[in-house]
Amino acid sequence: MKIYDVLKGGFLVDEGAFKNWRIIVFVVFLLLFMITSSHNADRKVMEIASMNKEMKKLKSLYIDSGTYLTRMKMESSVREKLKERGLASPKTPPIKIKVTAKSN
């Protein structure tokens, strides 16, 4: 008989219904809070995944840029760029100039 009263909703309209309504409202509030927290956690997980993906792309770009810069600084690359501009390495080695000061 009790299960039938619960299914029929009799516990909501009898004399002690105010106690039941308070509990029901409290449980509904807890359920809404739990659902909201779950959605916020899911959103943060998606945001973290997106940021990790972006971080991997930026790290790859950083490594590629460093490699390109290293290649540009190599002596052979510098020589090729200078040849394009018409400059070449001298055929004779540089001469060291010594300056001696005479004492009076």
N, C-alpha and C. Protein backbone atom coordinates (compact mmCIF):
# COMPACT_ATOMS: atom_id res chain seq x y z
N MET A 1 0.82 -1.19 0.00
CA MET A 1 0.00 0.00 0.00
C MET A 1 0.87 1.27 0.00
N LYS A 2 2.02 1.23 0.67
CA LYS A 2 2.90 2.40 0.74
C LYS A 2 3.47 2.74 -0.63
N ILE A 3 3.88 1.74 -1.42
CA ILE A 3 4.45 1.99 -2.74
C ILE A 3 3.40 2.62 -3.64
N TYR A 4 2.20 2.19 -3.52
CA TYR A 4 1.11 2.76 -4.32
C TYR A 4 0.90 4.22 -3.97
N ASP A 5 1.01 4.58 -2.68
CA ASP A 5 0.86 5.98 -2.26
C ASP A 5 2.00 6.85 -2.82
N VAL A 6 3.20 6.28 -2.84
CA VAL A 6 4.34 7.03 -3.38
C VAL A 6 4.16 7.26 -4.87
N LEU A 7 3.74 6.21 -5.60
CA LEU A 7 3.53 6.35 -7.03
C LEU A 7 2.38 7.29 -7.35
N LYS A 8 1.38 7.26 -6.52
CA LYS A 8 0.21 8.13 -6.71
C LYS A 8 0.52 9.57 -6.33
N GLY A 9 1.53 9.78 -5.47
CA GLY A 9 1.91 11.13 -5.05
C GLY A 9 1.18 11.56 -3.81
N GLY A 10 0.62 10.63 -3.06
CA GLY A 10 -0.13 10.96 -1.86
C GLY A 10 0.72 11.57 -0.78
N PHE A 11 2.00 11.27 -0.76
CA PHE A 11 2.89 11.82 0.27
C PHE A 11 3.10 13.32 0.11
N LEU A 12 2.70 13.87 -1.04
CA LEU A 12 2.87 15.31 -1.28
C LEU A 12 1.69 16.14 -0.79
N VAL A 13 0.56 15.50 -0.54
CA VAL A 13 -0.64 16.27 -0.19
C VAL A 13 -1.21 15.93 1.18
N ASP A 14 -0.61 15.01 1.91
CA ASP A 14 -1.16 14.70 3.23
C ASP A 14 -0.67 15.70 4.28
N GLU A 15 -0.94 15.46 5.56
CA GLU A 15 -0.66 16.43 6.62
C GLU A 15 0.83 16.75 6.78
N GLY A 16 1.70 15.80 6.65
CA GLY A 16 3.14 16.01 6.84
C GLY A 16 3.85 16.36 5.54
N ALA A 17 3.13 16.89 4.57
CA ALA A 17 3.68 17.16 3.24
C ALA A 17 4.75 18.25 3.26
N PHE A 18 4.68 19.19 4.19
CA PHE A 18 5.66 20.28 4.22
C PHE A 18 7.07 19.74 4.42
N LYS A 19 7.23 18.74 5.31
CA LYS A 19 8.55 18.12 5.50
C LYS A 19 9.03 17.46 4.21
N ASN A 20 8.14 16.81 3.54
CA ASN A 20 8.49 16.13 2.28
C ASN A 20 8.90 17.15 1.21
N TRP A 21 8.20 18.25 1.12
CA TRP A 21 8.52 19.27 0.11
C TRP A 21 9.89 19.88 0.36
N ARG A 22 10.21 20.11 1.63
CA ARG A 22 11.54 20.67 1.93
C ARG A 22 12.64 19.72 1.47
N ILE A 23 12.47 18.44 1.73
CA ILE A 23 13.47 17.45 1.32
C ILE A 23 13.55 17.37 -0.20
N ILE A 24 12.39 17.38 -0.84
CA ILE A 24 12.37 17.30 -2.31
C ILE A 24 13.05 18.52 -2.93
N VAL A 25 12.78 19.70 -2.43
CA VAL A 25 13.41 20.91 -2.96
C VAL A 25 14.92 20.87 -2.71
N PHE A 26 15.33 20.38 -1.54
CA PHE A 26 16.75 20.27 -1.24
C PHE A 26 17.44 19.29 -2.19
N VAL A 27 16.81 18.14 -2.43
CA VAL A 27 17.38 17.15 -3.34
C VAL A 27 17.45 17.70 -4.76
N VAL A 28 16.40 18.40 -5.20
CA VAL A 28 16.41 19.00 -6.54
C VAL A 28 17.53 20.03 -6.64
N PHE A 29 17.72 20.84 -5.60
CA PHE A 29 18.81 21.82 -5.60
C PHE A 29 20.16 21.12 -5.71
N LEU A 30 20.36 20.05 -4.95
CA LEU A 30 21.62 19.30 -5.02
C LEU A 30 21.83 18.70 -6.41
N LEU A 31 20.77 18.19 -7.02
CA LEU A 31 20.89 17.63 -8.37
C LEU A 31 21.27 18.70 -9.38
N LEU A 32 20.64 19.87 -9.30
CA LEU A 32 20.98 20.96 -10.22
C LEU A 32 22.42 21.43 -10.01
N PHE A 33 22.85 21.49 -8.77
CA PHE A 33 24.22 21.87 -8.47
C PHE A 33 25.20 20.85 -9.03
N MET A 34 24.88 19.57 -8.89
CA MET A 34 25.75 18.51 -9.40
C MET A 34 25.83 18.56 -10.93
N ILE A 35 24.70 18.79 -11.59
CA ILE A 35 24.69 18.86 -13.05
C ILE A 35 25.51 20.06 -13.52
N THR A 36 25.34 21.19 -12.86
CA THR A 36 26.11 22.39 -13.23
C THR A 36 27.61 22.16 -13.04
N SER A 37 27.98 21.56 -11.93
CA SER A 37 29.39 21.28 -11.67
C SER A 37 29.97 20.33 -12.71
N SER A 38 29.18 19.35 -13.09
CA SER A 38 29.63 18.38 -14.11
C SER A 38 29.86 19.07 -15.45
N HIS A 39 28.95 19.94 -15.84
CA HIS A 39 29.11 20.67 -17.11
C HIS A 39 30.33 21.59 -17.06
N ASN A 40 30.54 22.25 -15.93
CA ASN A 40 31.72 23.12 -15.80
C ASN A 40 33.01 22.31 -15.89
N ALA A 41 33.02 21.15 -15.25
CA ALA A 41 34.22 20.30 -15.31
C ALA A 41 34.47 19.82 -16.74
N ASP A 42 33.42 19.44 -17.45
CA ASP A 42 33.58 19.01 -18.85
C ASP A 42 34.11 20.14 -19.71
N ARG A 43 33.60 21.35 -19.49
CA ARG A 43 34.05 22.50 -20.27
C ARG A 43 35.53 22.78 -20.01
N LYS A 44 35.95 22.65 -18.76
CA LYS A 44 37.36 22.89 -18.44
C LYS A 44 38.25 21.82 -19.04
N VAL A 45 37.79 20.57 -19.05
CA VAL A 45 38.57 19.49 -19.67
C VAL A 45 38.75 19.76 -21.15
N MET A 46 37.69 20.20 -21.82
CA MET A 46 37.78 20.52 -23.25
C MET A 46 38.72 21.69 -23.48
N GLU A 47 38.67 22.68 -22.61
CA GLU A 47 39.54 23.85 -22.74
C GLU A 47 41.00 23.45 -22.53
N ILE A 48 41.27 22.59 -21.58
CA ILE A 48 42.63 22.13 -21.33
C ILE A 48 43.15 21.34 -22.54
N ALA A 49 42.29 20.49 -23.12
CA ALA A 49 42.71 19.73 -24.30
C ALA A 49 43.04 20.67 -25.46
N SER A 50 42.22 21.70 -25.63
CA SER A 50 42.46 22.68 -26.69
C SER A 50 43.78 23.42 -26.46
N MET A 51 44.04 23.80 -25.21
CA MET A 51 45.28 24.51 -24.91
C MET A 51 46.49 23.61 -25.09
N ASN A 52 46.38 22.33 -24.74
CA ASN A 52 47.49 21.40 -24.96
C ASN A 52 47.79 21.25 -26.44
N LYS A 53 46.74 21.21 -27.25
CA LYS A 53 46.94 21.09 -28.70
C LYS A 53 47.65 22.34 -29.23
N GLU A 54 47.21 23.51 -28.77
CA GLU A 54 47.83 24.77 -29.20
C GLU A 54 49.28 24.85 -28.72
N MET A 55 49.55 24.36 -27.49
CA MET A 55 50.90 24.37 -26.96
C MET A 55 51.82 23.49 -27.80
N LYS A 56 51.33 22.34 -28.26
CA LYS A 56 52.14 21.47 -29.10
C LYS A 56 52.47 22.14 -30.43
N LYS A 57 51.48 22.85 -31.00
CA LYS A 57 51.72 23.57 -32.25
C LYS A 57 52.78 24.66 -32.06
N LEU A 58 52.65 25.42 -30.98
CA LEU A 58 53.61 26.50 -30.72
C LEU A 58 55.01 25.95 -30.44
N LYS A 59 55.08 24.83 -29.74
CA LYS A 59 56.38 24.22 -29.47
C LYS A 59 57.03 23.76 -30.77
N SER A 60 56.24 23.19 -31.66
CA SER A 60 56.76 22.76 -32.96
C SER A 60 57.25 23.96 -33.76
N LEU A 61 56.49 25.04 -33.74
CA LEU A 61 56.89 26.27 -34.44
C LEU A 61 58.19 26.82 -33.86
N TYR A 62 58.33 26.78 -32.54
CA TYR A 62 59.54 27.25 -31.88
C TYR A 62 60.75 26.43 -32.32
N ILE A 63 60.60 25.12 -32.36
CA ILE A 63 61.72 24.26 -32.76
C ILE A 63 62.07 24.50 -34.22
N ASP A 64 61.05 24.63 -35.09
CA ASP A 64 61.32 24.89 -36.51
C ASP A 64 62.03 26.22 -36.70
N SER A 65 61.60 27.24 -35.96
CA SER A 65 62.24 28.56 -36.07
C SER A 65 63.68 28.50 -35.59
N GLY A 66 63.94 27.77 -34.51
CA GLY A 66 65.31 27.64 -34.01
C GLY A 66 66.20 26.93 -35.01
N THR A 67 65.66 25.90 -35.66
CA THR A 67 66.43 25.17 -36.67
C THR A 67 66.75 26.09 -37.85
N TYR A 68 65.75 26.85 -38.30
CA TYR A 68 65.95 27.77 -39.42
C TYR A 68 67.00 28.82 -39.07
N LEU A 69 66.93 29.36 -37.86
CA LEU A 69 67.89 30.37 -37.42
C LEU A 69 69.30 29.79 -37.35
N THR A 70 69.43 28.57 -36.86
CA THR A 70 70.74 27.93 -36.79
C THR A 70 71.33 27.74 -38.18
N ARG A 71 70.49 27.35 -39.13
CA ARG A 71 70.97 27.19 -40.50
C ARG A 71 71.40 28.52 -41.11
N MET A 72 70.67 29.58 -40.80
CA MET A 72 71.02 30.90 -41.33
C MET A 72 72.35 31.39 -40.78
N LYS A 73 72.70 31.02 -39.56
CA LYS A 73 73.93 31.50 -38.94
C LYS A 73 75.15 30.69 -39.35
N MET A 74 74.97 29.59 -40.04
CA MET A 74 76.11 28.77 -40.45
C MET A 74 76.97 29.55 -41.44
N GLU A 75 78.28 29.33 -41.38
CA GLU A 75 79.22 30.06 -42.22
C GLU A 75 78.93 29.85 -43.70
N SER A 76 78.58 28.64 -44.09
CA SER A 76 78.31 28.37 -45.50
C SER A 76 77.09 29.16 -45.99
N SER A 77 76.08 29.30 -45.15
CA SER A 77 74.90 30.08 -45.55
C SER A 77 75.25 31.55 -45.68
N VAL A 78 76.07 32.05 -44.77
CA VAL A 78 76.47 33.46 -44.82
C VAL A 78 77.29 33.72 -46.08
N ARG A 79 78.19 32.79 -46.43
CA ARG A 79 78.99 32.96 -47.65
C ARG A 79 78.11 33.00 -48.90
N GLU A 80 77.13 32.13 -48.96
CA GLU A 80 76.24 32.11 -50.13
C GLU A 80 75.46 33.42 -50.25
N LYS A 81 74.98 33.94 -49.11
CA LYS A 81 74.25 35.21 -49.13
C LYS A 81 75.15 36.36 -49.57
N LEU A 82 76.40 36.34 -49.13
CA LEU A 82 77.34 37.40 -49.51
C LEU A 82 77.71 37.30 -50.99
N LYS A 83 77.81 36.08 -51.51
CA LYS A 83 78.10 35.92 -52.94
C LYS A 83 76.98 36.50 -53.78
N GLU A 84 75.75 36.35 -53.32
CA GLU A 84 74.60 36.91 -54.05
C GLU A 84 74.70 38.43 -54.12
N ARG A 85 75.29 39.04 -53.11
CA ARG A 85 75.43 40.50 -53.07
C ARG A 85 76.74 40.97 -53.70
N GLY A 86 77.55 40.04 -54.16
CA GLY A 86 78.78 40.42 -54.85
C GLY A 86 79.99 40.47 -53.95
N LEU A 87 79.92 40.01 -52.75
CA LEU A 87 81.07 39.99 -51.85
C LEU A 87 81.64 38.57 -51.82
N ALA A 88 82.95 38.48 -51.69
CA ALA A 88 83.59 37.16 -51.65
C ALA A 88 84.68 37.18 -50.59
N SER A 89 85.14 36.02 -50.23
CA SER A 89 86.23 35.90 -49.26
C SER A 89 87.52 36.36 -49.92
N PRO A 90 88.41 37.02 -49.20
CA PRO A 90 89.67 37.46 -49.80
C PRO A 90 90.56 36.25 -50.11
N LYS A 91 91.36 36.39 -51.18
CA LYS A 91 92.25 35.30 -51.59
C LYS A 91 93.51 35.25 -50.72
N THR A 92 93.95 36.43 -50.23
CA THR A 92 95.15 36.48 -49.40
C THR A 92 94.73 36.62 -47.93
N PRO A 93 95.50 36.06 -47.05
CA PRO A 93 95.15 36.17 -45.63
C PRO A 93 95.35 37.61 -45.15
N PRO A 94 94.72 37.97 -44.11
CA PRO A 94 94.87 39.35 -43.59
C PRO A 94 96.28 39.58 -43.05
N ILE A 95 96.70 40.83 -43.11
CA ILE A 95 98.04 41.22 -42.64
C ILE A 95 97.88 41.87 -41.28
N LYS A 96 98.72 41.45 -40.36
CA LYS A 96 98.67 42.00 -39.02
C LYS A 96 99.52 43.28 -38.98
N ILE A 97 98.94 44.34 -38.50
CA ILE A 97 99.66 45.63 -38.42
C ILE A 97 100.04 45.86 -36.99
N LYS A 98 101.33 46.11 -36.77
CA LYS A 98 101.82 46.39 -35.43
C LYS A 98 102.17 47.87 -35.34
N VAL A 99 101.73 48.49 -34.31
CA VAL A 99 102.05 49.89 -34.07
C VAL A 99 102.93 49.95 -32.83
N THR A 100 104.09 50.54 -33.00
CA THR A 100 104.99 50.69 -31.86
C THR A 100 105.13 52.18 -31.55
N ALA A 101 105.06 52.46 -30.33
CA ALA A 101 105.17 53.86 -29.90
C ALA A 101 106.62 54.14 -29.53
N LYS A 102 107.16 55.26 -30.03
CA LYS A 102 108.52 55.65 -29.69
C LYS A 102 108.51 56.41 -28.38
N SER A 103 109.45 56.10 -27.55
CA SER A 103 109.53 56.82 -26.29
C SER A 103 110.44 58.04 -26.45
N ASN A 104 110.13 59.12 -25.88
CA ASN A 104 110.92 60.36 -26.00
C ASN A 104 111.99 60.44 -25.03
